[in-house]
């Protein structure tokens, strides 16, 4: 497997959690780690970026700032 960041060699490792052991991939060059949870979260972020966003508030050019009425 090839690392997404540096294109280095990824090796499979077993990581012990509090409740279970899980398999992960670690890059020998940069130390990047990928497991099921990391991949799931990365896919969720990509899906959020693809969703259309509402209109943005645009500041008017030359708008005057209002002064407070009470001094």
PDB file of N, CA and C in Angstrom:
ATOM      1  N   UNK A   1       0.855  -1.175   0.000  1.00  0.00           N
ATOM      2  CA  UNK A   1       0.000   0.000   0.000  1.00  0.00           C
ATOM      3  C   UNK A   1       0.895   1.231   0.000  1.00  0.00           C
ATOM      4  N   UNK A   2       0.426   2.296  -0.634  1.00  0.00           N
ATOM      5  CA  UNK A   2       1.200   3.525  -0.776  1.00  0.00           C
ATOM      6  C   UNK A   2       0.587   4.640   0.068  1.00  0.00           C
ATOM      7  N   UNK A   3       1.432   5.403   0.755  1.00  0.00           N
ATOM      8  CA  UNK A   3       0.988   6.502   1.610  1.00  0.00           C
ATOM      9  C   UNK A   3       0.381   7.617   0.759  1.00  0.00           C
ATOM     10  N   UNK A   4      -0.729   8.189   1.233  1.00  0.00           N
ATOM     11  CA  UNK A   4      -1.382   9.289   0.526  1.00  0.00           C
ATOM     12  C   UNK A   4      -0.595  10.586   0.622  1.00  0.00           C
ATOM     13  N   UNK A   5       0.158  10.762   1.702  1.00  0.00           N
ATOM     14  CA  UNK A   5       0.879  12.020   1.913  1.00  0.00           C
ATOM     15  C   UNK A   5       2.219  12.049   1.186  1.00  0.00           C
ATOM     16  N   UNK A   6       3.043  11.000   1.406  1.00  0.00           N
ATOM     17  CA  UNK A   6       4.413  11.041   0.880  1.00  0.00           C
ATOM     18  C   UNK A   6       4.689   9.956  -0.149  1.00  0.00           C
ATOM     19  N   UNK A   7       3.701   9.114  -0.435  1.00  0.00           N
ATOM     20  CA  UNK A   7       3.828   8.012  -1.382  1.00  0.00           C
ATOM     21  C   UNK A   7       4.844   6.968  -0.930  1.00  0.00           C
ATOM     22  N   UNK A   8       5.075   6.911   0.390  1.00  0.00           N
ATOM     23  CA  UNK A   8       5.991   5.927   0.963  1.00  0.00           C
ATOM     24  C   UNK A   8       5.304   4.586   1.186  1.00  0.00           C
ATOM     25  N   UNK A   9       6.053   3.646   1.724  1.00  0.00           N
ATOM     26  CA  UNK A   9       5.553   2.300   1.964  1.00  0.00           C
ATOM     27  C   UNK A   9       4.739   2.247   3.250  1.00  0.00           C
ATOM     28  N   UNK A  10       3.533   1.693   3.168  1.00  0.00           N
ATOM     29  CA  UNK A  10       2.664   1.513   4.333  1.00  0.00           C
ATOM     30  C   UNK A  10       2.777   0.066   4.799  1.00  0.00           C
ATOM     31  N   UNK A  11       2.884  -0.117   6.111  1.00  0.00           N
ATOM     32  CA  UNK A  11       2.929  -1.456   6.687  1.00  0.00           C
ATOM     33  C   UNK A  11       1.735  -1.628   7.615  1.00  0.00           C
ATOM     34  N   UNK A  12       1.264  -2.863   7.703  1.00  0.00           N
ATOM     35  CA  UNK A  12       0.105  -3.155   8.542  1.00  0.00           C
ATOM     36  C   UNK A  12       0.562  -3.427   9.967  1.00  0.00           C
ATOM     37  N   UNK A  13      -0.163  -2.850  10.927  1.00  0.00           N
ATOM     38  CA  UNK A  13       0.149  -3.041  12.339  1.00  0.00           C
ATOM     39  C   UNK A  13      -1.135  -3.339  13.097  1.00  0.00           C
ATOM     40  N   UNK A  14      -0.991  -3.923  14.270  1.00  0.00           N
ATOM     41  CA  UNK A  14      -2.113  -4.154  15.174  1.00  0.00           C
ATOM     42  C   UNK A  14      -1.987  -3.188  16.329  1.00  0.00           C
ATOM     43  N   UNK A  15      -3.060  -2.463  16.614  1.00  0.00           N
ATOM     44  CA  UNK A  15      -3.075  -1.479  17.692  1.00  0.00           C
ATOM     45  C   UNK A  15      -4.046  -1.946  18.760  1.00  0.00           C
ATOM     46  N   UNK A  16      -3.629  -1.884  20.007  1.00  0.00           N
ATOM     47  CA  UNK A  16      -4.490  -2.287  21.117  1.00  0.00           C
ATOM     48  C   UNK A  16      -5.203  -1.058  21.675  1.00  0.00           C
ATOM     49  N   UNK A  17      -6.528  -1.151  21.733  1.00  0.00           N
ATOM     50  CA  UNK A  17      -7.361  -0.110  22.311  1.00  0.00           C
ATOM     51  C   UNK A  17      -7.788  -0.593  23.694  1.00  0.00           C
ATOM     52  N   UNK A  18      -8.572   0.184  24.400  1.00  0.00           N
ATOM     53  CA  UNK A  18      -9.051  -0.234  25.711  1.00  0.00           C
ATOM     54  C   UNK A  18      -9.929  -1.483  25.623  1.00  0.00           C
ATOM     55  N   UNK A  19     -10.717  -1.580  24.567  1.00  0.00           N
ATOM     56  CA  UNK A  19     -11.699  -2.650  24.474  1.00  0.00           C
ATOM     57  C   UNK A  19     -11.403  -3.679  23.395  1.00  0.00           C
ATOM     58  N   UNK A  20     -10.589  -3.339  22.424  1.00  0.00           N
ATOM     59  CA  UNK A  20     -10.354  -4.255  21.310  1.00  0.00           C
ATOM     60  C   UNK A  20      -9.010  -3.983  20.648  1.00  0.00           C
ATOM     61  N   UNK A  21      -8.607  -4.909  19.797  1.00  0.00           N
ATOM     62  CA  UNK A  21      -7.437  -4.695  18.958  1.00  0.00           C
ATOM     63  C   UNK A  21      -7.932  -4.366  17.562  1.00  0.00           C
ATOM     64  N   UNK A  22      -7.233  -3.472  16.896  1.00  0.00           N
ATOM     65  CA  UNK A  22      -7.647  -3.070  15.562  1.00  0.00           C
ATOM     66  C   UNK A  22      -6.438  -3.038  14.643  1.00  0.00           C
ATOM     67  N   UNK A  23      -6.704  -3.209  13.377  1.00  0.00           N
ATOM     68  CA  UNK A  23      -5.651  -3.194  12.368  1.00  0.00           C
ATOM     69  C   UNK A  23      -5.534  -1.782  11.802  1.00  0.00           C
ATOM     70  N   UNK A  24      -4.312  -1.336  11.598  1.00  0.00           N
ATOM     71  CA  UNK A  24      -4.070  -0.008  11.033  1.00  0.00           C
ATOM     72  C   UNK A  24      -2.888  -0.091  10.080  1.00  0.00           C
ATOM     73  N   UNK A  25      -2.769   0.923   9.250  1.00  0.00           N
ATOM     74  CA  UNK A  25      -1.639   1.032   8.333  1.00  0.00           C
ATOM     75  C   UNK A  25      -0.802   2.227   8.758  1.00  0.00           C
ATOM     76  N   UNK A  26       0.533   2.049   8.797  1.00  0.00           N
ATOM     77  CA  UNK A  26       1.449   3.125   9.186  1.00  0.00           C
ATOM     78  C   UNK A  26       2.509   3.279   8.108  1.00  0.00           C
ATOM     79  N   UNK A  27       2.806   4.523   7.745  1.00  0.00           N
ATOM     80  CA  UNK A  27       3.823   4.815   6.738  1.00  0.00           C
ATOM     81  C   UNK A  27       5.207   4.752   7.378  1.00  0.00           C
ATOM     82  N   UNK A  28       6.129   4.060   6.725  1.00  0.00           N
ATOM     83  CA  UNK A  28       7.493   3.968   7.239  1.00  0.00           C
ATOM     84  C   UNK A  28       8.261   5.277   7.062  1.00  0.00           C
ATOM     85  N   UNK A  29       7.868   6.104   6.089  1.00  0.00           N
ATOM     86  CA  UNK A  29       8.586   7.361   5.841  1.00  0.00           C
ATOM     87  C   UNK A  29       8.121   8.488   6.752  1.00  0.00           C
ATOM     88  N   UNK A  30       6.821   8.790   6.728  1.00  0.00           N
ATOM     89  CA  UNK A  30       6.324   9.969   7.448  1.00  0.00           C
ATOM     90  C   UNK A  30       5.580   9.630   8.740  1.00  0.00           C
ATOM     91  N   UNK A  31       5.245   8.359   8.968  1.00  0.00           N
ATOM     92  CA  UNK A  31       4.569   7.969  10.201  1.00  0.00           C
ATOM     93  C   UNK A  31       3.064   8.150  10.183  1.00  0.00           C
ATOM     94  N   UNK A  32       2.500   8.511   9.053  1.00  0.00           N
ATOM     95  CA  UNK A  32       1.052   8.679   8.945  1.00  0.00           C
ATOM     96  C   UNK A  32       0.356   7.353   9.250  1.00  0.00           C
ATOM     97  N   UNK A  33      -0.759   7.428   9.990  1.00  0.00           N
ATOM     98  CA  UNK A  33      -1.496   6.225  10.383  1.00  0.00           C
ATOM     99  C   UNK A  33      -2.908   6.292   9.814  1.00  0.00           C
ATOM    100  N   UNK A  34      -3.380   5.180   9.256  1.00  0.00           N
ATOM    101  CA  UNK A  34      -4.742   5.069   8.747  1.00  0.00           C
ATOM    102  C   UNK A  34      -5.388   3.838   9.353  1.00  0.00           C
ATOM    103  N   UNK A  35      -6.593   4.011   9.873  1.00  0.00           N
ATOM    104  CA  UNK A  35      -7.398   2.884  10.325  1.00  0.00           C
ATOM    105  C   UNK A  35      -8.840   3.130   9.886  1.00  0.00           C
ATOM    106  N   UNK A  36      -9.749   2.245  10.271  1.00  0.00           N
ATOM    107  CA  UNK A  36     -11.141   2.378   9.835  1.00  0.00           C
ATOM    108  C   UNK A  36     -11.761   3.697  10.256  1.00  0.00           C
ATOM    109  N   UNK A  37     -11.528   4.112  11.490  1.00  0.00           N
ATOM    110  CA  UNK A  37     -12.150   5.337  12.005  1.00  0.00           C
ATOM    111  C   UNK A  37     -11.597   6.574  11.296  1.00  0.00           C
ATOM    112  N   UNK A  38     -10.299   6.613  11.076  1.00  0.00           N
ATOM    113  CA  UNK A  38      -9.694   7.755  10.380  1.00  0.00           C
ATOM    114  C   UNK A  38     -10.253   7.855   8.966  1.00  0.00           C
ATOM    115  N   UNK A  39     -10.320   6.733   8.250  1.00  0.00           N
ATOM    116  CA  UNK A  39     -10.861   6.747   6.891  1.00  0.00           C
ATOM    117  C   UNK A  39     -12.330   7.164   6.880  1.00  0.00           C
ATOM    118  N   UNK A  40     -13.105   6.697   7.845  1.00  0.00           N
ATOM    119  CA  UNK A  40     -14.523   7.071   7.944  1.00  0.00           C
ATOM    120  C   UNK A  40     -14.667   8.583   8.136  1.00  0.00           C
ATOM    121  N   UNK A  41     -13.871   9.160   9.023  1.00  0.00           N
ATOM    122  CA  UNK A  41     -13.947  10.604   9.280  1.00  0.00           C
ATOM    123  C   UNK A  41     -13.497  11.412   8.071  1.00  0.00           C
ATOM    124  N   UNK A  42     -12.475  10.955   7.361  1.00  0.00           N
ATOM    125  CA  UNK A  42     -12.023  11.662   6.167  1.00  0.00           C
ATOM    126  C   UNK A  42     -13.096  11.646   5.084  1.00  0.00           C
ATOM    127  N   UNK A  43     -13.778  10.513   4.918  1.00  0.00           N
ATOM    128  CA  UNK A  43     -14.854  10.433   3.931  1.00  0.00           C
ATOM    129  C   UNK A  43     -16.019  11.341   4.311  1.00  0.00           C
ATOM    130  N   UNK A  44     -16.303  11.467   5.606  1.00  0.00           N
ATOM    131  CA  UNK A  44     -17.389  12.345   6.060  1.00  0.00           C
ATOM    132  C   UNK A  44     -17.066  13.801   5.749  1.00  0.00           C
ATOM    133  N   UNK A  45     -15.820  14.202   5.919  1.00  0.00           N
ATOM    134  CA  UNK A  45     -15.415  15.580   5.628  1.00  0.00           C
ATOM    135  C   UNK A  45     -15.547  15.862   4.140  1.00  0.00           C
ATOM    136  N   UNK A  46     -15.141  14.924   3.299  1.00  0.00           N
ATOM    137  CA  UNK A  46     -15.260  15.100   1.851  1.00  0.00           C
ATOM    138  C   UNK A  46     -16.727  15.225   1.457  1.00  0.00           C
ATOM    139  N   UNK A  47     -17.597  14.421   2.067  1.00  0.00           N
ATOM    140  CA  UNK A  47     -19.028  14.492   1.759  1.00  0.00           C
ATOM    141  C   UNK A  47     -19.609  15.845   2.166  1.00  0.00           C
ATOM    142  N   UNK A  48     -19.172  16.392   3.293  1.00  0.00           N
ATOM    143  CA  UNK A  48     -19.665  17.704   3.728  1.00  0.00           C
ATOM    144  C   UNK A  48     -19.226  18.805   2.777  1.00  0.00           C
ATOM    145  N   UNK A  49     -18.024  18.700   2.241  1.00  0.00           N
ATOM    146  CA  UNK A  49     -17.530  19.722   1.319  1.00  0.00           C
ATOM    147  C   UNK A  49     -18.302  19.716   0.010  1.00  0.00           C
ATOM    148  N   UNK A  50     -18.882  18.580  -0.365  1.00  0.00           N
ATOM    149  CA  UNK A  50     -19.611  18.485  -1.624  1.00  0.00           C
ATOM    150  C   UNK A  50     -21.034  19.020  -1.521  1.00  0.00           C
ATOM    151  N   UNK A  51     -21.569  19.159  -0.298  1.00  0.00           N
ATOM    152  CA  UNK A  51     -22.931  19.656  -0.132  1.00  0.00           C
ATOM    153  C   UNK A  51     -23.001  21.134  -0.504  1.00  0.00           C
ATOM    154  N   UNK A  52     -24.068  21.546  -1.195  1.00  0.00           N
ATOM    155  CA  UNK A  52     -24.196  22.963  -1.531  1.00  0.00           C
ATOM    156  C   UNK A  52     -24.421  23.801  -0.276  1.00  0.00           C
ATOM    157  N   UNK A  53     -23.870  24.976  -0.292  1.00  0.00           N
ATOM    158  CA  UNK A  53     -24.015  25.884   0.847  1.00  0.00           C
ATOM    159  C   UNK A  53     -25.000  26.982   0.497  1.00  0.00           C
ATOM    160  N   UNK A  54     -25.556  27.597   1.514  1.00  0.00           N
ATOM    161  CA  UNK A  54     -26.492  28.688   1.314  1.00  0.00           C
ATOM    162  C   UNK A  54     -25.770  29.939   0.844  1.00  0.00           C
ATOM    163  N   UNK A  55     -26.536  30.988   0.559  1.00  0.00           N
ATOM    164  CA  UNK A  55     -25.910  32.236   0.104  1.00  0.00           C
ATOM    165  C   UNK A  55     -25.059  32.849   1.210  1.00  0.00           C
ATOM    166  N   UNK A  56     -23.979  33.440   0.809  1.00  0.00           N
ATOM    167  CA  UNK A  56     -23.085  34.082   1.771  1.00  0.00           C
ATOM    168  C   UNK A  56     -23.488  35.539   1.973  1.00  0.00           C
ATOM    169  N   UNK A  57     -23.251  36.032   3.162  1.00  0.00           N
ATOM    170  CA  UNK A  57     -23.500  37.445   3.442  1.00  0.00           C
ATOM    171  C   UNK A  57     -22.371  38.255   2.814  1.00  0.00           C
ATOM    172  N   UNK A  58     -22.742  39.255   2.052  1.00  0.00           N
ATOM    173  CA  UNK A  58     -21.747  40.075   1.370  1.00  0.00           C
ATOM    174  C   UNK A  58     -21.807  41.483   1.949  1.00  0.00           C
ATOM    175  N   UNK A  59     -20.665  41.995   2.346  1.00  0.00           N
ATOM    176  CA  UNK A  59     -20.611  43.361   2.877  1.00  0.00           C
ATOM    177  C   UNK A  59     -20.712  44.343   1.717  1.00  0.00           C
ATOM    178  N   UNK A  60     -21.502  45.385   1.922  1.00  0.00           N
ATOM    179  CA  UNK A  60     -21.632  46.400   0.880  1.00  0.00           C
ATOM    180  C   UNK A  60     -20.420  47.314   0.901  1.00  0.00           C
ATOM    181  N   UNK A  61     -19.960  47.653  -0.246  1.00  0.00           N
ATOM    182  CA  UNK A  61     -18.825  48.566  -0.350  1.00  0.00           C
ATOM    183  C   UNK A  61     -19.314  49.972  -0.044  1.00  0.00           C
ATOM    184  N   UNK A  62     -18.611  50.671   0.805  1.00  0.00           N
ATOM    185  CA  UNK A  62     -18.961  52.037   1.143  1.00  0.00           C
ATOM    186  C   UNK A  62     -20.044  52.147   2.202  1.00  0.00           C
ATOM    187  N   UNK A  63     -20.390  51.072   2.844  1.00  0.00           N
ATOM    188  CA  UNK A  63     -21.416  51.119   3.893  1.00  0.00           C
ATOM    189  C   UNK A  63     -20.877  51.890   5.089  1.00  0.00           C
ATOM    190  N   UNK A  64     -21.749  52.709   5.698  1.00  0.00           N
ATOM    191  CA  UNK A  64     -21.329  53.515   6.848  1.00  0.00           C
ATOM    192  C   UNK A  64     -21.575  52.752   8.122  1.00  0.00           C
ATOM    193  N   UNK A  65     -20.694  52.948   9.049  1.00  0.00           N
ATOM    194  CA  UNK A  65     -20.833  52.320  10.359  1.00  0.00           C
ATOM    195  C   UNK A  65     -21.701  53.226  11.225  1.00  0.00           C
ATOM    196  N   UNK A  66     -22.702  52.638  11.883  1.00  0.00           N
ATOM    197  CA  UNK A  66     -23.587  53.420  12.736  1.00  0.00           C
ATOM    198  C   UNK A  66     -22.935  53.653  14.088  1.00  0.00           C
ATOM    199  N   UNK A  67     -23.068  54.878  14.574  1.00  0.00           N
ATOM    200  CA  UNK A  67     -22.537  55.225  15.893  1.00  0.00           C
ATOM    201  C   UNK A  67     -23.605  54.940  16.938  1.00  0.00           C
ATOM    202  N   UNK A  68     -23.217  54.556  18.141  1.00  0.00           N
ATOM    203  CA  UNK A  68     -24.209  54.316  19.191  1.00  0.00           C
ATOM    204  C   UNK A  68     -24.956  55.607  19.536  1.00  0.00           C
ATOM    205  N   UNK A  69     -26.276  55.487  19.825  1.00  0.00           N
ATOM    206  CA  UNK A  69     -27.107  56.649  20.123  1.00  0.00           C
ATOM    207  C   UNK A  69     -26.797  57.214  21.500  1.00  0.00           C
ATOM    208  N   UNK A  70     -26.422  56.375  22.444  1.00  0.00           N
ATOM    209  CA  UNK A  70     -26.133  56.824  23.810  1.00  0.00           C
ATOM    210  C   UNK A  70     -24.626  56.950  23.973  1.00  0.00           C
ATOM    211  N   UNK A  71     -24.239  58.096  24.547  1.00  0.00           N
ATOM    212  CA  UNK A  71     -22.799  58.299  24.776  1.00  0.00           C
ATOM    213  C   UNK A  71     -22.498  58.356  26.217  1.00  0.00           C
TER     214      UNK A  71
END
